[in-house]
Amino acid sequence: MRLALARISPRDPAIGNFKVIGVINNRARVVISEYIDAGAILTYSYTFIVGVESILRHDNAPHHRSVPTFPHHRHWRGEVESLEGPDLDSFLQEVQEWIQKNGID
């Protein structure tokens, strides 16, 4: 994976917007975005895209009120599921498992 964009604003690691885009062989990308204040993640979105299809996304945008873990939820190929909260390691593990199972041509 190559790093396509890394943006941290402002430079204080305890507060600000953080965004990283990683590109996998020019066909897939991982987009990680967080807003942190006082060291706590207030908003986040972790997205895995292959071609033009969003395969997986974890986020806390407040638009799926019926999900038991609202506002935290997981999009998996168009379906919305419960998600306990931001866990970048779990998200990246899911991406790795998907790539191992399906490959990226």
Protein backbone atom coordinates (compact mmCIF):
# COMPACT_ATOMS: atom_id res chain seq x y z
CA MET A 1 0.00 0.00 0.00
CA ARG A 2 1.30 3.45 -0.79
CA LEU A 3 0.32 6.59 1.05
CA ALA A 4 -1.65 8.94 -1.21
CA LEU A 5 -2.50 11.62 1.37
CA ALA A 6 -1.78 12.31 5.00
CA ARG A 7 -3.30 15.43 6.48
CA ILE A 8 -3.19 16.48 10.10
CA SER A 9 -4.66 19.82 11.06
CA PRO A 10 -3.73 21.43 13.37
CA ARG A 11 -0.43 19.94 14.51
CA ASP A 12 -1.56 19.20 18.10
CA PRO A 13 -2.12 15.40 18.27
CA ALA A 14 -4.79 15.82 20.97
CA ILE A 15 -7.18 17.86 18.80
CA GLY A 16 -7.89 18.22 15.11
CA ASN A 17 -8.83 16.55 11.85
CA PHE A 18 -6.77 13.59 10.75
CA LYS A 19 -7.07 12.01 7.30
CA VAL A 20 -5.02 9.32 5.58
CA ILE A 21 -5.60 7.70 2.20
CA GLY A 22 -3.74 4.52 1.35
CA VAL A 23 -3.77 3.18 -2.21
CA ILE A 24 -3.47 -0.54 -2.93
CA ASN A 25 -2.25 -1.32 -6.48
CA ASN A 26 -4.17 1.63 -8.02
CA ARG A 27 -7.49 -0.25 -7.81
CA ALA A 28 -8.35 -0.13 -4.12
CA ARG A 29 -7.99 2.42 -1.37
CA VAL A 30 -8.45 2.81 2.35
CA VAL A 31 -9.62 6.20 3.63
CA ILE A 32 -9.23 6.90 7.35
CA SER A 33 -10.69 10.10 8.77
CA GLU A 34 -11.05 11.15 12.40
CA TYR A 35 -11.84 14.30 14.35
CA ILE A 36 -10.20 14.18 17.76
CA ASP A 37 -10.67 16.53 20.70
CA ALA A 38 -8.87 16.16 24.02
CA GLY A 39 -7.56 12.83 22.76
CA ALA A 40 -11.07 11.37 22.18
CA ILE A 41 -12.36 10.39 18.73
CA LEU A 42 -15.54 12.43 18.23
CA THR A 43 -16.27 11.60 14.60
CA TYR A 44 -14.72 8.97 12.38
CA SER A 45 -15.07 7.24 9.06
CA TYR A 46 -12.96 4.29 7.90
CA THR A 47 -13.71 3.24 4.31
CA PHE A 48 -12.42 0.47 2.04
CA ILE A 49 -13.14 1.01 -1.66
CA VAL A 50 -12.38 -1.30 -4.58
CA GLY A 51 -12.86 0.27 -8.00
CA VAL A 52 -15.94 2.42 -7.47
CA GLU A 53 -17.61 0.12 -4.92
CA SER A 54 -17.53 0.87 -1.21
CA ILE A 55 -16.94 -2.58 0.27
CA LEU A 56 -16.74 -1.66 3.95
CA ARG A 57 -17.20 1.45 6.06
CA HIS A 58 -17.19 2.04 9.81
CA ASP A 59 -18.51 5.43 10.95
CA ASN A 60 -20.60 7.35 13.44
CA ALA A 61 -22.53 9.69 11.14
CA PRO A 62 -25.89 10.11 12.94
CA HIS A 63 -28.20 8.83 10.18
CA HIS A 64 -29.07 5.23 11.12
CA ARG A 65 -31.08 5.75 14.31
CA SER A 66 -32.55 2.23 14.24
CA VAL A 67 -29.14 0.60 14.76
CA PRO A 68 -28.82 -0.51 18.42
CA THR A 69 -25.31 0.97 18.68
CA PHE A 70 -26.37 4.35 17.22
CA PRO A 71 -24.54 6.41 16.09
CA HIS A 72 -21.80 3.78 15.56
CA HIS A 73 -22.46 1.48 12.61
CA ARG A 74 -20.85 -0.60 9.91
CA HIS A 75 -21.69 -0.61 6.20
CA TRP A 76 -20.94 -3.93 4.54
CA ARG A 77 -21.72 -4.00 0.81
CA GLY A 78 -24.85 -1.88 1.22
CA GLU A 79 -26.09 -3.37 4.51
CA VAL A 80 -25.97 -1.42 7.79
CA GLU A 81 -24.99 -3.29 10.96
CA SER A 82 -24.23 -2.51 14.61
CA LEU A 83 -20.73 -1.46 15.59
CA GLU A 84 -19.53 -0.86 19.15
CA GLY A 85 -17.36 2.15 18.33
CA PRO A 86 -14.24 3.25 16.51
CA ASP A 87 -11.72 0.44 16.25
CA LEU A 88 -9.22 1.06 13.49
CA ASP A 89 -7.38 -2.21 14.14
CA SER A 90 -10.58 -4.26 13.64
CA PHE A 91 -11.41 -2.33 10.48
CA LEU A 92 -7.95 -2.94 9.00
CA GLN A 93 -8.19 -6.62 9.96
CA GLU A 94 -11.48 -6.88 8.05
CA VAL A 95 -9.87 -5.22 5.02
CA GLN A 96 -6.92 -7.61 5.16
CA GLU A 97 -9.23 -10.64 5.40
CA TRP A 98 -11.30 -9.40 2.44
CA ILE A 99 -8.16 -8.92 0.33
CA GLN A 100 -6.84 -12.38 1.26
CA LYS A 101 -10.17 -13.98 0.35
CA ASN A 102 -11.00 -11.99 -2.80
CA GLY A 103 -7.72 -10.57 -4.00
CA ILE A 104 -7.38 -7.29 -5.85
CA ASP A 105 -6.55 -7.61 -9.54
